[in-house]
C-alpha cells in the first residue's frame, strides 16, 4: 500500500509544480519539490519501495520537462544515494541538519543539470541572474525543506494507519 502513497504524492507534487506554480509569479523560481520527496524516500523508506517511487518521479519529470530523457532520473538517483549515504554517517535525528540535506539535494540537482548541458554542448550561461535564481532556490529549500520532509513522514504514517484499518475491516468482513 505504500506504493500507492508514493504514487499519489509523486503525481500531486508534479501537478502542483508544473500546473499550478507557473501561474504565480512568486512561486516560479521555487526548487524542484520532488527533491524533498526523493530525500524522504532515501531517509525513511525501504530500498525496493523507494526505487519504484524514484523511477516513477524521474520518468514523469523527464517526460514533462522536454529536456534530455534520463536527466531527472539521474539527478534523483544520485540524490537518493546521497540521502542513503547521509543516514549511514550522519545523525539525522538532529532536525538542524534537515535544511542542509534538502539544500544539498537542490544544489546537486542543479549541478547535474549543468553537467548534462555541458555534455550536450549546450551553451551554459552562468551570470548574476543564474546565481540569484540558485540562491533563491537554496534559501527556499532551507526554509521549506524540513517542513516538507516532516509533512511527508506524518502523511505516510496517517496513510499506513488508514490502510491498516481498511485492510483489517476488509479481512474481518471476508472471514465471517
C-alpha atoms as a PDB file:
ATOM      1  CA  UNK A   1       0.000   0.000   0.000  1.00  0.00           C
ATOM      2  CA  UNK A   2       2.983   2.319   0.395  1.00  0.00           C
ATOM      3  CA  UNK A   3       3.438   2.142  -3.364  1.00  0.00           C
ATOM      4  CA  UNK A   4       0.033   3.809  -3.729  1.00  0.00           C
ATOM      5  CA  UNK A   5       1.071   6.533  -1.291  1.00  0.00           C
ATOM      6  CA  UNK A   6       4.289   7.166  -3.227  1.00  0.00           C
ATOM      7  CA  UNK A   7       2.364   7.289  -6.498  1.00  0.00           C
ATOM      8  CA  UNK A   8      -0.215   9.744  -5.148  1.00  0.00           C
ATOM      9  CA  UNK A   9       2.395  12.020  -3.587  1.00  0.00           C
ATOM     10  CA  UNK A  10       4.518  11.941  -6.725  1.00  0.00           C
ATOM     11  CA  UNK A  11       1.630  12.835  -9.020  1.00  0.00           C
ATOM     12  CA  UNK A  12       0.306  15.511  -6.636  1.00  0.00           C
ATOM     13  CA  UNK A  13       3.700  17.201  -6.314  1.00  0.00           C
ATOM     14  CA  UNK A  14       4.322  17.123 -10.055  1.00  0.00           C
ATOM     15  CA  UNK A  15       0.863  18.550 -10.814  1.00  0.00           C
ATOM     16  CA  UNK A  16       1.381  21.259  -8.203  1.00  0.00           C
ATOM     17  CA  UNK A  17       4.788  22.123  -9.584  1.00  0.00           C
ATOM     18  CA  UNK A  18       4.004  22.033 -13.290  1.00  0.00           C
ATOM     19  CA  UNK A  19       0.372  23.155 -13.494  1.00  0.00           C
ATOM     20  CA  UNK A  20      -0.212  25.462 -10.535  1.00  0.00           C
ATOM     21  CA  UNK A  21       3.099  27.120  -9.603  1.00  0.00           C
ATOM     22  CA  UNK A  22       3.728  28.681 -13.045  1.00  0.00           C
ATOM     23  CA  UNK A  23       0.594  30.808 -12.627  1.00  0.00           C
ATOM     24  CA  UNK A  24       2.015  32.575  -9.569  1.00  0.00           C
ATOM     25  CA  UNK A  25       4.997  34.834 -10.168  1.00  0.00           C
ATOM     26  CA  UNK A  26       6.233  34.391  -6.620  1.00  0.00           C
ATOM     27  CA  UNK A  27       6.382  30.600  -6.994  1.00  0.00           C
ATOM     28  CA  UNK A  28       8.056  30.453 -10.408  1.00  0.00           C
ATOM     29  CA  UNK A  29      11.582  30.269  -9.005  1.00  0.00           C
ATOM     30  CA  UNK A  30      10.929  27.517  -6.478  1.00  0.00           C
ATOM     31  CA  UNK A  31      13.139  24.481  -6.429  1.00  0.00           C
ATOM     32  CA  UNK A  32      12.040  21.075  -7.677  1.00  0.00           C
ATOM     33  CA  UNK A  33       9.648  19.848  -4.970  1.00  0.00           C
ATOM     34  CA  UNK A  34      10.313  16.246  -5.929  1.00  0.00           C
ATOM     35  CA  UNK A  35      13.783  16.586  -4.363  1.00  0.00           C
ATOM     36  CA  UNK A  36      12.437  16.541  -0.759  1.00  0.00           C
ATOM     37  CA  UNK A  37      10.255  13.574  -1.744  1.00  0.00           C
ATOM     38  CA  UNK A  38      13.323  11.701  -3.038  1.00  0.00           C
ATOM     39  CA  UNK A  39      15.227  12.600   0.127  1.00  0.00           C
ATOM     40  CA  UNK A  40      12.293  11.369   2.214  1.00  0.00           C
ATOM     41  CA  UNK A  41      12.366   8.078   0.325  1.00  0.00           C
ATOM     42  CA  UNK A  42      16.099   7.743   0.985  1.00  0.00           C
ATOM     43  CA  UNK A  43      15.845   8.605   4.663  1.00  0.00           C
ATOM     44  CA  UNK A  44      12.644   6.854   5.706  1.00  0.00           C
ATOM     45  CA  UNK A  45      11.557   4.123   3.284  1.00  0.00           C
ATOM     46  CA  UNK A  46      12.951   0.716   2.252  1.00  0.00           C
ATOM     47  CA  UNK A  47      15.000   0.467  -0.926  1.00  0.00           C
ATOM     48  CA  UNK A  48      12.528  -1.526  -3.040  1.00  0.00           C
ATOM     49  CA  UNK A  49       9.652   0.807  -2.326  1.00  0.00           C
ATOM     50  CA  UNK A  50      11.845   3.871  -2.777  1.00  0.00           C
ATOM     51  CA  UNK A  51      13.239   2.882  -6.150  1.00  0.00           C
ATOM     52  CA  UNK A  52       9.750   2.458  -7.603  1.00  0.00           C
ATOM     53  CA  UNK A  53       8.755   5.953  -6.424  1.00  0.00           C
ATOM     54  CA  UNK A  54      12.057   7.416  -7.565  1.00  0.00           C
ATOM     55  CA  UNK A  55      11.833   5.927 -11.052  1.00  0.00           C
ATOM     56  CA  UNK A  56       8.198   6.991 -11.386  1.00  0.00           C
ATOM     57  CA  UNK A  57       9.014  10.561 -10.380  1.00  0.00           C
ATOM     58  CA  UNK A  58      12.028  10.658 -12.683  1.00  0.00           C
ATOM     59  CA  UNK A  59      10.143   9.329 -15.697  1.00  0.00           C
ATOM     60  CA  UNK A  60       7.231  11.712 -15.165  1.00  0.00           C
ATOM     61  CA  UNK A  61       9.520  14.723 -14.804  1.00  0.00           C
ATOM     62  CA  UNK A  62      11.655  13.644 -17.755  1.00  0.00           C
ATOM     63  CA  UNK A  63       8.530  13.292 -19.872  1.00  0.00           C
ATOM     64  CA  UNK A  64       7.157  16.686 -18.835  1.00  0.00           C
ATOM     65  CA  UNK A  65      10.401  18.647 -18.967  1.00  0.00           C
ATOM     66  CA  UNK A  66      11.073  18.390 -22.667  1.00  0.00           C
ATOM     67  CA  UNK A  67      14.774  18.033 -21.964  1.00  0.00           C
ATOM     68  CA  UNK A  68      17.076  15.080 -22.406  1.00  0.00           C
ATOM     69  CA  UNK A  69      15.393  11.913 -21.197  1.00  0.00           C
ATOM     70  CA  UNK A  70      17.094  10.486 -18.134  1.00  0.00           C
ATOM     71  CA  UNK A  71      18.319  13.761 -16.679  1.00  0.00           C
ATOM     72  CA  UNK A  72      15.782  13.833 -13.836  1.00  0.00           C
ATOM     73  CA  UNK A  73      16.118  10.093 -13.203  1.00  0.00           C
ATOM     74  CA  UNK A  74      19.892  10.537 -12.932  1.00  0.00           C
ATOM     75  CA  UNK A  75      19.580  13.513 -10.592  1.00  0.00           C
ATOM     76  CA  UNK A  76      17.014  11.785  -8.395  1.00  0.00           C
ATOM     77  CA  UNK A  77      19.047   8.577  -8.265  1.00  0.00           C
ATOM     78  CA  UNK A  78      22.186  10.408  -7.125  1.00  0.00           C
ATOM     79  CA  UNK A  79      20.235  12.463  -4.577  1.00  0.00           C
ATOM     80  CA  UNK A  80      18.708   9.216  -3.276  1.00  0.00           C
ATOM     81  CA  UNK A  81      22.139   7.585  -2.996  1.00  0.00           C
ATOM     82  CA  UNK A  82      23.376  10.697  -1.181  1.00  0.00           C
ATOM     83  CA  UNK A  83      20.465  10.504   1.276  1.00  0.00           C
ATOM     84  CA  UNK A  84      21.204   6.847   1.990  1.00  0.00           C
ATOM     85  CA  UNK A  85      24.877   7.709   2.461  1.00  0.00           C
ATOM     86  CA  UNK A  86      23.960  10.529   4.848  1.00  0.00           C
ATOM     87  CA  UNK A  87      21.915   8.323   7.167  1.00  0.00           C
ATOM     88  CA  UNK A  88      24.869   5.962   7.484  1.00  0.00           C
ATOM     89  CA  UNK A  89      27.337   8.643   8.532  1.00  0.00           C
ATOM     90  CA  UNK A  90      25.292  11.488   9.993  1.00  0.00           C
ATOM     91  CA  UNK A  91      22.745  11.514  12.777  1.00  0.00           C
ATOM     92  CA  UNK A  92      19.740  12.954  11.001  1.00  0.00           C
ATOM     93  CA  UNK A  93      17.612  12.765  14.124  1.00  0.00           C
ATOM     94  CA  UNK A  94      19.011  16.242  14.676  1.00  0.00           C
ATOM     95  CA  UNK A  95      16.498  18.499  12.953  1.00  0.00           C
ATOM     96  CA  UNK A  96      19.159  21.146  12.328  1.00  0.00           C
ATOM     97  CA  UNK A  97      20.685  19.004   9.577  1.00  0.00           C
ATOM     98  CA  UNK A  98      17.435  18.571   7.603  1.00  0.00           C
ATOM     99  CA  UNK A  99      17.565  22.026   5.934  1.00  0.00           C
ATOM    100  CA  UNK A 100      21.132  21.371   4.860  1.00  0.00           C
ATOM    101  CA  UNK A 101      20.238  17.963   3.463  1.00  0.00           C
ATOM    102  CA  UNK A 102      17.466  19.407   1.295  1.00  0.00           C
ATOM    103  CA  UNK A 103      19.662  22.334   0.205  1.00  0.00           C
ATOM    104  CA  UNK A 104      22.435  19.896  -0.759  1.00  0.00           C
ATOM    105  CA  UNK A 105      19.892  17.908  -2.800  1.00  0.00           C
ATOM    106  CA  UNK A 106      18.742  21.037  -4.646  1.00  0.00           C
ATOM    107  CA  UNK A 107      22.328  22.134  -5.261  1.00  0.00           C
ATOM    108  CA  UNK A 108      23.280  18.678  -6.502  1.00  0.00           C
ATOM    109  CA  UNK A 109      20.301  18.588  -8.872  1.00  0.00           C
ATOM    110  CA  UNK A 110      21.373  21.906 -10.376  1.00  0.00           C
ATOM    111  CA  UNK A 111      24.912  20.573 -10.778  1.00  0.00           C
ATOM    112  CA  UNK A 112      23.565  17.522 -12.601  1.00  0.00           C
ATOM    113  CA  UNK A 113      21.562  19.789 -14.920  1.00  0.00           C
ATOM    114  CA  UNK A 114      24.589  21.988 -15.628  1.00  0.00           C
ATOM    115  CA  UNK A 115      26.686  18.866 -16.258  1.00  0.00           C
ATOM    116  CA  UNK A 116      24.057  17.497 -18.610  1.00  0.00           C
ATOM    117  CA  UNK A 117      24.025  20.758 -20.537  1.00  0.00           C
ATOM    118  CA  UNK A 118      27.820  20.739 -20.707  1.00  0.00           C
ATOM    119  CA  UNK A 119      27.876  17.163 -22.004  1.00  0.00           C
ATOM    120  CA  UNK A 120      25.309  18.075 -24.658  1.00  0.00           C
ATOM    121  CA  UNK A 121      27.449  21.031 -25.757  1.00  0.00           C
ATOM    122  CA  UNK A 122      24.595  23.385 -24.919  1.00  0.00           C
ATOM    123  CA  UNK A 123      25.568  26.945 -24.119  1.00  0.00           C
ATOM    124  CA  UNK A 124      25.837  27.377 -20.367  1.00  0.00           C
ATOM    125  CA  UNK A 125      25.370  30.913 -19.140  1.00  0.00           C
ATOM    126  CA  UNK A 126      26.307  31.494 -15.533  1.00  0.00           C
ATOM    127  CA  UNK A 127      25.608  35.119 -14.743  1.00  0.00           C
ATOM    128  CA  UNK A 128      24.150  37.057 -11.855  1.00  0.00           C
ATOM    129  CA  UNK A 129      20.578  36.068 -12.780  1.00  0.00           C
ATOM    130  CA  UNK A 130      21.505  32.367 -12.749  1.00  0.00           C
ATOM    131  CA  UNK A 131      23.313  32.694  -9.438  1.00  0.00           C
ATOM    132  CA  UNK A 132      20.481  34.678  -7.873  1.00  0.00           C
ATOM    133  CA  UNK A 133      17.932  32.079  -9.014  1.00  0.00           C
ATOM    134  CA  UNK A 134      20.112  29.350  -7.484  1.00  0.00           C
ATOM    135  CA  UNK A 135      20.398  31.302  -4.235  1.00  0.00           C
ATOM    136  CA  UNK A 136      16.617  31.780  -4.090  1.00  0.00           C
ATOM    137  CA  UNK A 137      16.153  28.036  -4.614  1.00  0.00           C
ATOM    138  CA  UNK A 138      18.680  27.197  -1.897  1.00  0.00           C
ATOM    139  CA  UNK A 139      17.126  29.619   0.586  1.00  0.00           C
ATOM    140  CA  UNK A 140      13.649  28.258  -0.149  1.00  0.00           C
ATOM    141  CA  UNK A 141      14.969  24.714   0.263  1.00  0.00           C
ATOM    142  CA  UNK A 142      16.468  25.616   3.639  1.00  0.00           C
ATOM    143  CA  UNK A 143      13.256  27.332   4.737  1.00  0.00           C
ATOM    144  CA  UNK A 144      10.682  24.821   3.485  1.00  0.00           C
ATOM    145  CA  UNK A 145      12.530  21.517   3.026  1.00  0.00           C
ATOM    146  CA  UNK A 146      12.354  20.275   6.633  1.00  0.00           C
ATOM    147  CA  UNK A 147       8.634  21.050   6.816  1.00  0.00           C
ATOM    148  CA  UNK A 148       8.022  19.101   3.608  1.00  0.00           C
ATOM    149  CA  UNK A 149      10.012  16.136   4.947  1.00  0.00           C
ATOM    150  CA  UNK A 150       8.117  16.174   8.243  1.00  0.00           C
ATOM    151  CA  UNK A 151       4.803  16.523   6.398  1.00  0.00           C
ATOM    152  CA  UNK A 152       5.627  13.530   4.176  1.00  0.00           C
ATOM    153  CA  UNK A 153       6.569  11.456   7.195  1.00  0.00           C
ATOM    154  CA  UNK A 154       3.367  12.370   9.044  1.00  0.00           C
ATOM    155  CA  UNK A 155       1.198  11.843   5.939  1.00  0.00           C
ATOM    156  CA  UNK A 156       2.755   8.433   5.382  1.00  0.00           C
ATOM    157  CA  UNK A 157       2.015   7.414   8.979  1.00  0.00           C
ATOM    158  CA  UNK A 158      -1.608   8.536   8.580  1.00  0.00           C
ATOM    159  CA  UNK A 159      -1.813   6.639   5.279  1.00  0.00           C
ATOM    160  CA  UNK A 160      -0.453   3.467   6.908  1.00  0.00           C
ATOM    161  CA  UNK A 161      -2.927   3.677   9.798  1.00  0.00           C
ATOM    162  CA  UNK A 162      -5.795   4.238   7.377  1.00  0.00           C
ATOM    163  CA  UNK A 163      -4.824   1.337   5.115  1.00  0.00           C
ATOM    164  CA  UNK A 164      -4.243  -0.951   8.130  1.00  0.00           C
ATOM    165  CA  UNK A 165      -7.739  -0.149   9.444  1.00  0.00           C
ATOM    166  CA  UNK A 166      -9.212  -0.632   5.991  1.00  0.00           C
ATOM    167  CA  UNK A 167      -7.473  -3.991   5.493  1.00  0.00           C
ATOM    168  CA  UNK A 168      -8.416  -5.172   8.987  1.00  0.00           C
ATOM    169  CA  UNK A 169     -12.039  -4.213   8.416  1.00  0.00           C
ATOM    170  CA  UNK A 170     -11.987  -5.819   4.966  1.00  0.00           C
ATOM    171  CA  UNK A 171     -10.421  -9.052   6.245  1.00  0.00           C
ATOM    172  CA  UNK A 172     -12.839  -9.131   9.187  1.00  0.00           C
ATOM    173  CA  UNK A 173     -15.812  -8.885   6.837  1.00  0.00           C
ATOM    174  CA  UNK A 174     -14.400 -11.515   4.490  1.00  0.00           C
ATOM    175  CA  UNK A 175     -13.704 -14.028   7.259  1.00  0.00           C
ATOM    176  CA  UNK A 176     -17.304 -14.046   8.547  1.00  0.00           C
END
